[in-house]
PDB file of N, CA and C in Angstrom:
ATOM      1  N   MET A   1       5.037 -67.223   2.031  1.00  0.00           N
ATOM      2  CA  MET A   1       5.182 -68.514   1.380  1.00  0.00           C
ATOM      3  C   MET A   1       4.607 -69.586   2.291  1.00  0.00           C
ATOM      4  N   GLY A   2       3.919 -70.538   1.729  1.00  0.00           N
ATOM      5  CA  GLY A   2       3.299 -71.598   2.499  1.00  0.00           C
ATOM      6  C   GLY A   2       4.298 -72.644   2.962  1.00  0.00           C
ATOM      7  N   HIS A   3       3.789 -73.598   3.706  1.00  0.00           N
ATOM      8  CA  HIS A   3       4.607 -74.699   4.216  1.00  0.00           C
ATOM      9  C   HIS A   3       4.847 -75.719   3.108  1.00  0.00           C
ATOM     10  N   PRO A   4       6.071 -76.255   2.999  1.00  0.00           N
ATOM     11  CA  PRO A   4       6.401 -77.163   1.900  1.00  0.00           C
ATOM     12  C   PRO A   4       5.946 -78.600   2.140  1.00  0.00           C
ATOM     13  N   VAL A   5       5.668 -79.282   1.041  1.00  0.00           N
ATOM     14  CA  VAL A   5       5.475 -80.732   1.071  1.00  0.00           C
ATOM     15  C   VAL A   5       6.884 -81.320   1.063  1.00  0.00           C
ATOM     16  N   VAL A   6       7.183 -82.173   2.055  1.00  0.00           N
ATOM     17  CA  VAL A   6       8.552 -82.659   2.221  1.00  0.00           C
ATOM     18  C   VAL A   6       8.713 -84.172   2.089  1.00  0.00           C
ATOM     19  N   HIS A   7       7.613 -84.898   1.969  1.00  0.00           N
ATOM     20  CA  HIS A   7       7.713 -86.362   1.965  1.00  0.00           C
ATOM     21  C   HIS A   7       6.396 -86.917   1.443  1.00  0.00           C
ATOM     22  N   PHE A   8       6.443 -88.086   0.821  1.00  0.00           N
ATOM     23  CA  PHE A   8       5.222 -88.794   0.443  1.00  0.00           C
ATOM     24  C   PHE A   8       5.302 -90.195   1.009  1.00  0.00           C
ATOM     25  N   GLU A   9       4.167 -90.856   1.051  1.00  0.00           N
ATOM     26  CA  GLU A   9       4.144 -92.220   1.571  1.00  0.00           C
ATOM     27  C   GLU A   9       3.061 -93.022   0.872  1.00  0.00           C
ATOM     28  N   VAL A  10       3.396 -94.274   0.610  1.00  0.00           N
ATOM     29  CA  VAL A  10       2.446 -95.265   0.113  1.00  0.00           C
ATOM     30  C   VAL A  10       2.470 -96.390   1.128  1.00  0.00           C
ATOM     31  N   GLY A  11       1.324 -96.787   1.615  1.00  0.00           N
ATOM     32  CA  GLY A  11       1.298 -97.831   2.632  1.00  0.00           C
ATOM     33  C   GLY A  11       0.259 -98.897   2.357  1.00  0.00           C
ATOM     34  N   GLY A  12       0.519-100.062   2.905  1.00  0.00           N
ATOM     35  CA  GLY A  12      -0.415-101.169   2.766  1.00  0.00           C
ATOM     36  C   GLY A  12       0.030-102.356   3.581  1.00  0.00           C
ATOM     37  N   ASN A  13      -0.798-103.369   3.599  1.00  0.00           N
ATOM     38  CA  ASN A  13      -0.541-104.548   4.419  1.00  0.00           C
ATOM     39  C   ASN A  13       0.719-105.301   4.007  1.00  0.00           C
ATOM     40  N   ASP A  14       1.061-105.317   2.707  1.00  0.00           N
ATOM     41  CA  ASP A  14       2.230-106.051   2.228  1.00  0.00           C
ATOM     42  C   ASP A  14       3.275-105.058   1.720  1.00  0.00           C
ATOM     43  N   ARG A  15       4.072-104.526   2.616  1.00  0.00           N
ATOM     44  CA  ARG A  15       5.064-103.510   2.283  1.00  0.00           C
ATOM     45  C   ARG A  15       6.051-104.010   1.233  1.00  0.00           C
ATOM     46  N   LYS A  16       6.533-105.236   1.372  1.00  0.00           N
ATOM     47  CA  LYS A  16       7.525-105.785   0.434  1.00  0.00           C
ATOM     48  C   LYS A  16       6.964-105.822  -0.994  1.00  0.00           C
ATOM     49  N   GLN A  17       5.696-106.210  -1.120  1.00  0.00           N
ATOM     50  CA  GLN A  17       5.057-106.236  -2.433  1.00  0.00           C
ATOM     51  C   GLN A  17       5.001-104.826  -3.020  1.00  0.00           C
ATOM     52  N   LEU A  18       4.666-103.833  -2.190  1.00  0.00           N
ATOM     53  CA  LEU A  18       4.619-102.450  -2.664  1.00  0.00           C
ATOM     54  C   LEU A  18       6.007-101.950  -3.063  1.00  0.00           C
ATOM     55  N   GLU A  19       7.026-102.307  -2.294  1.00  0.00           N
ATOM     56  CA  GLU A  19       8.390-101.910  -2.643  1.00  0.00           C
ATOM     57  C   GLU A  19       8.779-102.476  -4.008  1.00  0.00           C
ATOM     58  N   ARG A  20       8.490-103.760  -4.232  1.00  0.00           N
ATOM     59  CA  ARG A  20       8.812-104.381  -5.527  1.00  0.00           C
ATOM     60  C   ARG A  20       8.044-103.686  -6.653  1.00  0.00           C
ATOM     61  N   PHE A  21       6.760-103.468  -6.445  1.00  0.00           N
ATOM     62  CA  PHE A  21       5.907-102.862  -7.464  1.00  0.00           C
ATOM     63  C   PHE A  21       6.430-101.489  -7.881  1.00  0.00           C
ATOM     64  N   TYR A  22       6.593-100.578  -6.910  1.00  0.00           N
ATOM     65  CA  TYR A  22       7.013 -99.213  -7.241  1.00  0.00           C
ATOM     66  C   TYR A  22       8.461 -99.158  -7.728  1.00  0.00           C
ATOM     67  N   GLY A  23       9.301-100.034  -7.216  1.00  0.00           N
ATOM     68  CA  GLY A  23      10.666-100.101  -7.704  1.00  0.00           C
ATOM     69  C   GLY A  23      10.723-100.522  -9.159  1.00  0.00           C
ATOM     70  N   GLN A  24       9.915-101.529  -9.527  1.00  0.00           N
ATOM     71  CA  GLN A  24       9.914-102.024 -10.902  1.00  0.00           C
ATOM     72  C   GLN A  24       9.240-101.045 -11.859  1.00  0.00           C
ATOM     73  N   VAL A  25       8.141-100.444 -11.443  1.00  0.00           N
ATOM     74  CA  VAL A  25       7.395 -99.560 -12.336  1.00  0.00           C
ATOM     75  C   VAL A  25       8.149 -98.256 -12.595  1.00  0.00           C
ATOM     76  N   PHE A  26       8.672 -97.627 -11.534  1.00  0.00           N
ATOM     77  CA  PHE A  26       9.257 -96.294 -11.674  1.00  0.00           C
ATOM     78  C   PHE A  26      10.780 -96.251 -11.490  1.00  0.00           C
ATOM     79  N   ASP A  27      11.412 -97.421 -11.361  1.00  0.00           N
ATOM     80  CA  ASP A  27      12.859 -97.484 -11.122  1.00  0.00           C
ATOM     81  C   ASP A  27      13.267 -96.723  -9.864  1.00  0.00           C
ATOM     82  N   TRP A  28      12.414 -96.692  -8.862  1.00  0.00           N
ATOM     83  CA  TRP A  28      12.740 -96.022  -7.600  1.00  0.00           C
ATOM     84  C   TRP A  28      13.780 -96.841  -6.854  1.00  0.00           C
ATOM     85  N   LYS A  29      14.753 -96.161  -6.261  1.00  0.00           N
ATOM     86  CA  LYS A  29      15.705 -96.805  -5.368  1.00  0.00           C
ATOM     87  C   LYS A  29      15.092 -96.784  -3.974  1.00  0.00           C
ATOM     88  N   ILE A  30      14.804 -97.976  -3.464  1.00  0.00           N
ATOM     89  CA  ILE A  30      14.133 -98.106  -2.173  1.00  0.00           C
ATOM     90  C   ILE A  30      15.052 -98.864  -1.224  1.00  0.00           C
ATOM     91  N   HIS A  31      15.371 -98.236  -0.107  1.00  0.00           N
ATOM     92  CA  HIS A  31      16.210 -98.844   0.913  1.00  0.00           C
ATOM     93  C   HIS A  31      15.298 -99.420   1.989  1.00  0.00           C
ATOM     94  N   SER A  32      15.170-100.733   1.985  1.00  0.00           N
ATOM     95  CA  SER A  32      14.252-101.422   2.890  1.00  0.00           C
ATOM     96  C   SER A  32      14.859-101.546   4.285  1.00  0.00           C
ATOM     97  N   HIS A  33      14.108-101.138   5.274  1.00  0.00           N
ATOM     98  CA  HIS A  33      14.510-101.228   6.679  1.00  0.00           C
ATOM     99  C   HIS A  33      13.497-102.122   7.400  1.00  0.00           C
ATOM    100  N   ASP A  34      13.779-103.415   7.423  1.00  0.00           N
ATOM    101  CA  ASP A  34      12.832-104.364   7.999  1.00  0.00           C
ATOM    102  C   ASP A  34      12.550-104.095   9.471  1.00  0.00           C
ATOM    103  N   GLU A  35      13.580-103.658  10.221  1.00  0.00           N
ATOM    104  CA  GLU A  35      13.378-103.408  11.640  1.00  0.00           C
ATOM    105  C   GLU A  35      12.391-102.263  11.877  1.00  0.00           C
ATOM    106  N   MET A  36      12.264-101.346  10.915  1.00  0.00           N
ATOM    107  CA  MET A  36      11.327-100.230  11.035  1.00  0.00           C
ATOM    108  C   MET A  36      10.045-100.482  10.239  1.00  0.00           C
ATOM    109  N   HIS A  37       9.987-101.597   9.513  1.00  0.00           N
ATOM    110  CA  HIS A  37       8.837-101.897   8.649  1.00  0.00           C
ATOM    111  C   HIS A  37       8.614-100.764   7.664  1.00  0.00           C
ATOM    112  N   TYR A  38       9.720-100.331   7.023  1.00  0.00           N
ATOM    113  CA  TYR A  38       9.662 -99.147   6.187  1.00  0.00           C
ATOM    114  C   TYR A  38      10.694 -99.233   5.080  1.00  0.00           C
ATOM    115  N   GLY A  39      10.341 -98.755   3.905  1.00  0.00           N
ATOM    116  CA  GLY A  39      11.274 -98.635   2.804  1.00  0.00           C
ATOM    117  C   GLY A  39      11.425 -97.169   2.447  1.00  0.00           C
ATOM    118  N   LEU A  40      12.635 -96.665   2.518  1.00  0.00           N
ATOM    119  CA  LEU A  40      12.902 -95.263   2.247  1.00  0.00           C
ATOM    120  C   LEU A  40      13.184 -95.080   0.757  1.00  0.00           C
ATOM    121  N   VAL A  41      12.382 -94.231   0.110  1.00  0.00           N
ATOM    122  CA  VAL A  41      12.506 -93.974  -1.321  1.00  0.00           C
ATOM    123  C   VAL A  41      13.411 -92.761  -1.519  1.00  0.00           C
ATOM    124  N   GLU A  42      14.492 -92.948  -2.289  1.00  0.00           N
ATOM    125  CA  GLU A  42      15.412 -91.840  -2.562  1.00  0.00           C
ATOM    126  C   GLU A  42      14.706 -90.767  -3.382  1.00  0.00           C
ATOM    127  N   ALA A  43      15.022 -89.515  -3.084  1.00  0.00           N
ATOM    128  CA  ALA A  43      14.473 -88.409  -3.853  1.00  0.00           C
ATOM    129  C   ALA A  43      15.033 -88.444  -5.265  1.00  0.00           C
ATOM    130  N   ALA A  44      14.176 -88.229  -6.237  1.00  0.00           N
ATOM    131  CA  ALA A  44      14.611 -88.119  -7.622  1.00  0.00           C
ATOM    132  C   ALA A  44      15.212 -86.729  -7.836  1.00  0.00           C
ATOM    133  N   GLU A  45      15.860 -86.552  -8.968  1.00  0.00           N
ATOM    134  CA  GLU A  45      16.538 -85.282  -9.244  1.00  0.00           C
ATOM    135  C   GLU A  45      15.602 -84.080  -9.076  1.00  0.00           C
ATOM    136  N   ARG A  46      14.386 -84.177  -9.546  1.00  0.00           N
ATOM    137  CA  ARG A  46      13.442 -83.067  -9.438  1.00  0.00           C
ATOM    138  C   ARG A  46      12.231 -83.451  -8.604  1.00  0.00           C
ATOM    139  N   GLY A  47      12.434 -84.144  -7.523  1.00  0.00           N
ATOM    140  CA  GLY A  47      11.308 -84.569  -6.711  1.00  0.00           C
ATOM    141  C   GLY A  47      11.686 -84.663  -5.254  1.00  0.00           C
ATOM    142  N   ILE A  48      10.745 -85.106  -4.457  1.00  0.00           N
ATOM    143  CA  ILE A  48      10.968 -85.296  -3.032  1.00  0.00           C
ATOM    144  C   ILE A  48      11.100 -86.781  -2.741  1.00  0.00           C
ATOM    145  N   GLY A  49      11.736 -87.107  -1.638  1.00  0.00           N
ATOM    146  CA  GLY A  49      11.830 -88.491  -1.210  1.00  0.00           C
ATOM    147  C   GLY A  49      10.527 -88.930  -0.570  1.00  0.00           C
ATOM    148  N   GLY A  50      10.457 -90.212  -0.303  1.00  0.00           N
ATOM    149  CA  GLY A  50       9.245 -90.745   0.292  1.00  0.00           C
ATOM    150  C   GLY A  50       9.491 -92.056   0.979  1.00  0.00           C
ATOM    151  N   GLY A  51       8.421 -92.787   1.191  1.00  0.00           N
ATOM    152  CA  GLY A  51       8.532 -94.056   1.864  1.00  0.00           C
ATOM    153  C   GLY A  51       7.446 -95.019   1.468  1.00  0.00           C
ATOM    154  N   ILE A  52       7.740 -96.294   1.671  1.00  0.00           N
ATOM    155  CA  ILE A  52       6.783 -97.380   1.495  1.00  0.00           C
ATOM    156  C   ILE A  52       6.636 -98.009   2.876  1.00  0.00           C
ATOM    157  N   SER A  53       5.417 -98.080   3.367  1.00  0.00           N
ATOM    158  CA  SER A  53       5.198 -98.505   4.741  1.00  0.00           C
ATOM    159  C   SER A  53       4.244 -99.681   4.824  1.00  0.00           C
ATOM    160  N   GLY A  54       4.412-100.443   5.892  1.00  0.00           N
ATOM    161  CA  GLY A  54       3.430-101.452   6.237  1.00  0.00           C
ATOM    162  C   GLY A  54       2.297-100.788   7.003  1.00  0.00           C
ATOM    163  N   SER A  55       1.322-101.551   7.407  1.00  0.00           N
ATOM    164  CA  SER A  55       0.191-101.010   8.156  1.00  0.00           C
ATOM    165  C   SER A  55       0.643-100.357   9.450  1.00  0.00           C
ATOM    166  N   ILE A  56      -0.077 -99.334   9.851  1.00  0.00           N
ATOM    167  CA  ILE A  56       0.200 -98.614  11.084  1.00  0.00           C
ATOM    168  C   ILE A  56      -0.963 -98.844  12.040  1.00  0.00           C
ATOM    169  N   PRO A  57      -0.684 -99.212  13.302  1.00  0.00           N
ATOM    170  CA  PRO A  57      -1.773 -99.418  14.260  1.00  0.00           C
ATOM    171  C   PRO A  57      -2.683 -98.196  14.330  1.00  0.00           C
ATOM    172  N   ASN A  58      -3.969 -98.426  14.325  1.00  0.00           N
ATOM    173  CA  ASN A  58      -5.009 -97.393  14.369  1.00  0.00           C
ATOM    174  C   ASN A  58      -5.067 -96.552  13.096  1.00  0.00           C
ATOM    175  N   GLY A  59      -4.306 -96.923  12.080  1.00  0.00           N
ATOM    176  CA  GLY A  59      -4.352 -96.206  10.810  1.00  0.00           C
ATOM    177  C   GLY A  59      -5.116 -97.018   9.783  1.00  0.00           C
ATOM    178  N   PRO A  60      -5.277 -96.473   8.591  1.00  0.00           N
ATOM    179  CA  PRO A  60      -5.956 -97.228   7.528  1.00  0.00           C
ATOM    180  C   PRO A  60      -5.101 -98.411   7.080  1.00  0.00           C
ATOM    181  N   SER A  61      -5.714 -99.391   6.433  1.00  0.00           N
ATOM    182  CA  SER A  61      -4.964-100.566   5.985  1.00  0.00           C
ATOM    183  C   SER A  61      -4.153-100.271   4.728  1.00  0.00           C
ATOM    184  N   SER A  62      -4.523 -99.264   3.977  1.00  0.00           N
ATOM    185  CA  SER A  62      -3.735 -98.818   2.825  1.00  0.00           C
ATOM    186  C   SER A  62      -3.983 -97.326   2.642  1.00  0.00           C
ATOM    187  N   TRP A  63      -2.972 -96.648   2.102  1.00  0.00           N
ATOM    188  CA  TRP A  63      -3.103 -95.207   1.924  1.00  0.00           C
ATOM    189  C   TRP A  63      -2.025 -94.675   1.000  1.00  0.00           C
ATOM    190  N   VAL A  64      -2.267 -93.488   0.509  1.00  0.00           N
ATOM    191  CA  VAL A  64      -1.271 -92.672  -0.176  1.00  0.00           C
ATOM    192  C   VAL A  64      -1.421 -91.296   0.442  1.00  0.00           C
ATOM    193  N   THR A  65      -0.327 -90.718   0.871  1.00  0.00           N
ATOM    194  CA  THR A  65      -0.410 -89.406   1.499  1.00  0.00           C
ATOM    195  C   THR A  65       0.868 -88.617   1.250  1.00  0.00           C
ATOM    196  N   PHE A  66       0.813 -87.367   1.610  1.00  0.00           N
ATOM    197  CA  PHE A  66       1.996 -86.522   1.578  1.00  0.00           C
ATOM    198  C   PHE A  66       2.095 -85.818   2.921  1.00  0.00           C
ATOM    199  N   TYR A  67       3.288 -85.315   3.224  1.00  0.00           N
ATOM    200  CA  TYR A  67       3.556 -84.680   4.510  1.00  0.00           C
ATOM    201  C   TYR A  67       3.932 -83.216   4.309  1.00  0.00           C
ATOM    202  N   VAL A  68       3.302 -82.357   5.092  1.00  0.00           N
ATOM    203  CA  VAL A  68       3.583 -80.928   5.079  1.00  0.00           C
ATOM    204  C   VAL A  68       4.421 -80.609   6.315  1.00  0.00           C
ATOM    205  N   GLN A  69       5.509 -79.893   6.126  1.00  0.00           N
ATOM    206  CA  GLN A  69       6.378 -79.552   7.247  1.00  0.00           C
ATOM    207  C   GLN A  69       5.816 -78.367   8.022  1.00  0.00           C
ATOM    208  N   VAL A  70       5.725 -78.528   9.346  1.00  0.00           N
ATOM    209  CA  VAL A  70       5.269 -77.476  10.248  1.00  0.00           C
ATOM    210  C   VAL A  70       6.200 -77.436  11.459  1.00  0.00           C
ATOM    211  N   ASP A  71       6.096 -76.372  12.245  1.00  0.00           N
ATOM    212  CA  ASP A  71       6.972 -76.254  13.409  1.00  0.00           C
ATOM    213  C   ASP A  71       6.327 -76.705  14.714  1.00  0.00           C
ATOM    214  N   ASP A  72       5.010 -76.918  14.715  1.00  0.00           N
ATOM    215  CA  ASP A  72       4.299 -77.303  15.938  1.00  0.00           C
ATOM    216  C   ASP A  72       3.111 -78.189  15.571  1.00  0.00           C
ATOM    217  N   LEU A  73       3.273 -79.499  15.738  1.00  0.00           N
ATOM    218  CA  LEU A  73       2.218 -80.441  15.341  1.00  0.00           C
ATOM    219  C   LEU A  73       0.914 -80.189  16.091  1.00  0.00           C
ATOM    220  N   GLU A  74       0.983 -80.030  17.399  1.00  0.00           N
ATOM    221  CA  GLU A  74      -0.230 -79.826  18.206  1.00  0.00           C
ATOM    222  C   GLU A  74      -0.990 -78.585  17.760  1.00  0.00           C
ATOM    223  N   ALA A  75      -0.282 -77.495  17.541  1.00  0.00           N
ATOM    224  CA  ALA A  75      -0.937 -76.247  17.130  1.00  0.00           C
ATOM    225  C   ALA A  75      -1.639 -76.415  15.782  1.00  0.00           C
ATOM    226  N   TYR A  76      -0.983 -77.106  14.852  1.00  0.00           N
ATOM    227  CA  TYR A  76      -1.607 -77.293  13.545  1.00  0.00           C
ATOM    228  C   TYR A  76      -2.782 -78.256  13.608  1.00  0.00           C
ATOM    229  N   LEU A  77      -2.705 -79.278  14.445  1.00  0.00           N
ATOM    230  CA  LEU A  77      -3.858 -80.176  14.590  1.00  0.00           C
ATOM    231  C   LEU A  77      -5.051 -79.424  15.174  1.00  0.00           C
ATOM    232  N   LYS A  78      -4.816 -78.542  16.123  1.00  0.00           N
ATOM    233  CA  LYS A  78      -5.907 -77.719  16.671  1.00  0.00           C
ATOM    234  C   LYS A  78      -6.497 -76.825  15.590  1.00  0.00           C
ATOM    235  N   LYS A  79      -5.645 -76.201  14.795  1.00  0.00           N
ATOM    236  CA  LYS A  79      -6.107 -75.339  13.706  1.00  0.00           C
ATOM    237  C   LYS A  79      -6.919 -76.148  12.700  1.00  0.00           C
ATOM    238  N   ILE A  80      -6.414 -77.340  12.353  1.00  0.00           N
ATOM    239  CA  ILE A  80      -7.096 -78.228  11.404  1.00  0.00           C
ATOM    240  C   ILE A  80      -8.481 -78.602  11.928  1.00  0.00           C
ATOM    241  N   GLU A  81      -8.552 -78.982  13.202  1.00  0.00           N
ATOM    242  CA  GLU A  81      -9.842 -79.363  13.782  1.00  0.00           C
ATOM    243  C   GLU A  81     -10.799 -78.177  13.847  1.00  0.00           C
ATOM    244  N   SER A  82     -10.271 -76.962  14.024  1.00  0.00           N
ATOM    245  CA  SER A  82     -11.140 -75.777  14.117  1.00  0.00           C
ATOM    246  C   SER A  82     -11.790 -75.418  12.785  1.00  0.00           C
ATOM    247  N   VAL A  83     -11.250 -75.936  11.682  1.00  0.00           N
ATOM    248  CA  VAL A  83     -11.835 -75.636  10.369  1.00  0.00           C
ATOM    249  C   VAL A  83     -12.402 -76.880   9.685  1.00  0.00           C
ATOM    250  N   GLY A  84     -12.671 -77.929  10.464  1.00  0.00           N
ATOM    251  CA  GLY A  84     -13.400 -79.077   9.929  1.00  0.00           C
ATOM    252  C   GLY A  84     -12.602 -80.333   9.688  1.00  0.00           C
ATOM    253  N   GLY A  85     -11.310 -80.340  10.011  1.00  0.00           N
ATOM    254  CA  GLY A  85     -10.519 -81.555   9.868  1.00  0.00           C
ATOM    255  C   GLY A  85     -10.589 -82.393  11.133  1.00  0.00           C
ATOM    256  N   LYS A  86      -9.929 -83.551  11.103  1.00  0.00           N
ATOM    257  CA  LYS A  86      -9.956 -84.470  12.237  1.00  0.00           C
ATOM    258  C   LYS A  86      -8.584 -85.124  12.400  1.00  0.00           C
ATOM    259  N   THR A  87      -8.100 -85.204  13.631  1.00  0.00           N
ATOM    260  CA  THR A  87      -6.843 -85.902  13.902  1.00  0.00           C
ATOM    261  C   THR A  87      -7.056 -87.401  13.735  1.00  0.00           C
ATOM    262  N   ILE A  88      -6.181 -88.038  12.982  1.00  0.00           N
ATOM    263  CA  ILE A  88      -6.236 -89.492  12.798  1.00  0.00           C
ATOM    264  C   ILE A  88      -5.159 -90.159  13.654  1.00  0.00           C
ATOM    265  N   VAL A  89      -3.917 -89.672  13.556  1.00  0.00           N
ATOM    266  CA  VAL A  89      -2.807 -90.168  14.366  1.00  0.00           C
ATOM    267  C   VAL A  89      -2.199 -88.956  15.071  1.00  0.00           C
ATOM    268  N   PRO A  90      -2.164 -88.972  16.392  1.00  0.00           N
ATOM    269  CA  PRO A  90      -1.608 -87.827  17.130  1.00  0.00           C
ATOM    270  C   PRO A  90      -0.097 -87.739  16.933  1.00  0.00           C
ATOM    271  N   PRO A  91       0.531 -86.664  17.382  1.00  0.00           N
ATOM    272  CA  PRO A  91       1.977 -86.541  17.239  1.00  0.00           C
ATOM    273  C   PRO A  91       2.711 -87.791  17.730  1.00  0.00           C
ATOM    274  N   THR A  92       3.580 -88.297  16.857  1.00  0.00           N
ATOM    275  CA  THR A  92       4.280 -89.547  17.100  1.00  0.00           C
ATOM    276  C   THR A  92       5.760 -89.361  16.752  1.00  0.00           C
ATOM    277  N   PRO A  93       6.660 -89.699  17.678  1.00  0.00           N
ATOM    278  CA  PRO A  93       8.084 -89.507  17.387  1.00  0.00           C
ATOM    279  C   PRO A  93       8.600 -90.481  16.334  1.00  0.00           C
ATOM    280  N   ILE A  94       9.559 -89.998  15.537  1.00  0.00           N
ATOM    281  CA  ILE A  94      10.319 -90.811  14.597  1.00  0.00           C
ATOM    282  C   ILE A  94      11.758 -90.727  15.099  1.00  0.00           C
ATOM    283  N   PRO A  95      12.299 -91.811  15.638  1.00  0.00           N
ATOM    284  CA  PRO A  95      13.641 -91.750  16.232  1.00  0.00           C
ATOM    285  C   PRO A  95      14.685 -91.110  15.314  1.00  0.00           C
ATOM    286  N   ASN A  96      15.450 -90.202  15.879  1.00  0.00           N
ATOM    287  CA  ASN A  96      16.560 -89.525  15.197  1.00  0.00           C
ATOM    288  C   ASN A  96      16.140 -88.709  13.980  1.00  0.00           C
ATOM    289  N   THR A  97      14.849 -88.379  13.863  1.00  0.00           N
ATOM    290  CA  THR A  97      14.373 -87.656  12.693  1.00  0.00           C
ATOM    291  C   THR A  97      13.477 -86.479  13.051  1.00  0.00           C
ATOM    292  N   GLY A  98      12.448 -86.721  13.842  1.00  0.00           N
ATOM    293  CA  GLY A  98      11.453 -85.697  14.166  1.00  0.00           C
ATOM    294  C   GLY A  98      10.194 -86.350  14.671  1.00  0.00           C
ATOM    295  N   SER A  99       9.059 -85.856  14.237  1.00  0.00           N
ATOM    296  CA  SER A  99       7.783 -86.459  14.613  1.00  0.00           C
ATOM    297  C   SER A  99       6.761 -86.168  13.520  1.00  0.00           C
ATOM    298  N   PHE A 100       5.679 -86.971  13.531  1.00  0.00           N
ATOM    299  CA  PHE A 100       4.636 -86.812  12.518  1.00  0.00           C
ATOM    300  C   PHE A 100       3.274 -86.932  13.162  1.00  0.00           C
ATOM    301  N   ALA A 101       2.257 -86.527  12.417  1.00  0.00           N
ATOM    302  CA  ALA A 101       0.854 -86.721  12.788  1.00  0.00           C
ATOM    303  C   ALA A 101       0.076 -86.866  11.486  1.00  0.00           C
ATOM    304  N   TRP A 102      -1.092 -87.482  11.574  1.00  0.00           N
ATOM    305  CA  TRP A 102      -1.991 -87.583  10.426  1.00  0.00           C
ATOM    306  C   TRP A 102      -3.296 -86.907  10.765  1.00  0.00           C
ATOM    307  N   PHE A 103      -3.900 -86.295   9.750  1.00  0.00           N
ATOM    308  CA  PHE A 103      -5.239 -85.732   9.896  1.00  0.00           C
ATOM    309  C   PHE A 103      -6.042 -86.043   8.647  1.00  0.00           C
ATOM    310  N   SER A 104      -7.357 -85.913   8.756  1.00  0.00           N
ATOM    311  CA  SER A 104      -8.205 -86.008   7.571  1.00  0.00           C
ATOM    312  C   SER A 104      -8.786 -84.630   7.313  1.00  0.00           C
ATOM    313  N   ASP A 105      -8.870 -84.299   6.038  1.00  0.00           N
ATOM    314  CA  ASP A 105      -9.488 -83.031   5.655  1.00  0.00           C
ATOM    315  C   ASP A 105     -11.001 -83.223   5.590  1.00  0.00           C
ATOM    316  N   PRO A 106     -11.780 -82.169   5.320  1.00  0.00           N
ATOM    317  CA  PRO A 106     -13.235 -82.325   5.290  1.00  0.00           C
ATOM    318  C   PRO A 106     -13.747 -83.352   4.281  1.00  0.00           C
ATOM    319  N   ALA A 107     -12.954 -83.668   3.242  1.00  0.00           N
ATOM    320  CA  ALA A 107     -13.364 -84.679   2.258  1.00  0.00           C
ATOM    321  C   ALA A 107     -12.944 -86.083   2.659  1.00  0.00           C
ATOM    322  N   GLY A 108     -12.218 -86.220   3.770  1.00  0.00           N
ATOM    323  CA  GLY A 108     -11.782 -87.531   4.235  1.00  0.00           C
ATOM    324  C   GLY A 108     -10.401 -87.948   3.769  1.00  0.00           C
ATOM    325  N   ASN A 109      -9.658 -87.074   3.061  1.00  0.00           N
ATOM    326  CA  ASN A 109      -8.307 -87.397   2.631  1.00  0.00           C
ATOM    327  C   ASN A 109      -7.364 -87.420   3.826  1.00  0.00           C
ATOM    328  N   CYS A 110      -6.476 -88.405   3.864  1.00  0.00           N
ATOM    329  CA  CYS A 110      -5.487 -88.522   4.935  1.00  0.00           C
ATOM    330  C   CYS A 110      -4.220 -87.793   4.510  1.00  0.00           C
ATOM    331  N   ILE A 111      -3.811 -86.800   5.334  1.00  0.00           N
ATOM    332  CA  ILE A 111      -2.640 -85.994   5.058  1.00  0.00           C
ATOM    333  C   ILE A 111      -1.735 -86.047   6.290  1.00  0.00           C
ATOM    334  N   GLY A 112      -0.417 -85.957   6.074  1.00  0.00           N
ATOM    335  CA  GLY A 112       0.527 -85.982   7.177  1.00  0.00           C
ATOM    336  C   GLY A 112       1.112 -84.624   7.464  1.00  0.00           C
ATOM    337  N   LEU A 113       1.495 -84.452   8.713  1.00  0.00           N
ATOM    338  CA  LEU A 113       2.281 -83.299   9.153  1.00  0.00           C
ATOM    339  C   LEU A 113       3.614 -83.840   9.616  1.00  0.00           C
ATOM    340  N   PHE A 114       4.676 -83.069   9.405  1.00  0.00           N
ATOM    341  CA  PHE A 114       6.008 -83.485   9.827  1.00  0.00           C
ATOM    342  C   PHE A 114       6.690 -82.320  10.532  1.00  0.00           C
ATOM    343  N   ARG A 115       7.313 -82.627  11.677  1.00  0.00           N
ATOM    344  CA  ARG A 115       8.132 -81.642  12.380  1.00  0.00           C
ATOM    345  C   ARG A 115       9.527 -82.230  12.483  1.00  0.00           C
ATOM    346  N   GLU A 116      10.492 -81.496  11.967  1.00  0.00           N
ATOM    347  CA  GLU A 116      11.871 -81.944  11.961  1.00  0.00           C
ATOM    348  C   GLU A 116      12.485 -81.783  13.350  1.00  0.00           C
ATOM    349  N   GLY A 117      13.420 -82.657  13.685  1.00  0.00           N
ATOM    350  CA  GLY A 117      14.145 -82.553  14.939  1.00  0.00           C
ATOM    351  C   GLY A 117      13.458 -83.258  16.092  1.00  0.00           C
ATOM    352  N   ALA A 118      14.001 -83.065  17.285  1.00  0.00           N
ATOM    353  CA  ALA A 118      13.506 -83.757  18.483  1.00  0.00           C
ATOM    354  C   ALA A 118      12.122 -83.355  18.881  1.00  0.00           C
TER     355      ALA A 118
END
């Protein structure tokens, strides 16, 4: 069995505007965390949770992506690069949650990796 998609993210320069938009359009419950510049989207009954984010330093100004859970971010980034992908954001800790990284596939799509825990 492959690795699961565990999270999605929509990001842009005006996070609050995106939170209002997606909340109004899809009735998403979004818990805004201003100190983290992030809005946590509750998982729907038959879906995964996600987030609404502001811009990330060295990242694109807007994006839509999903996160695949892996056990070793560095190992997967090496594997990704060996088959034509590129690291966009190196492994980065998420306090009290785990860590993430971003890569681009050969078509230029931005995809996330997530490792749970410390």
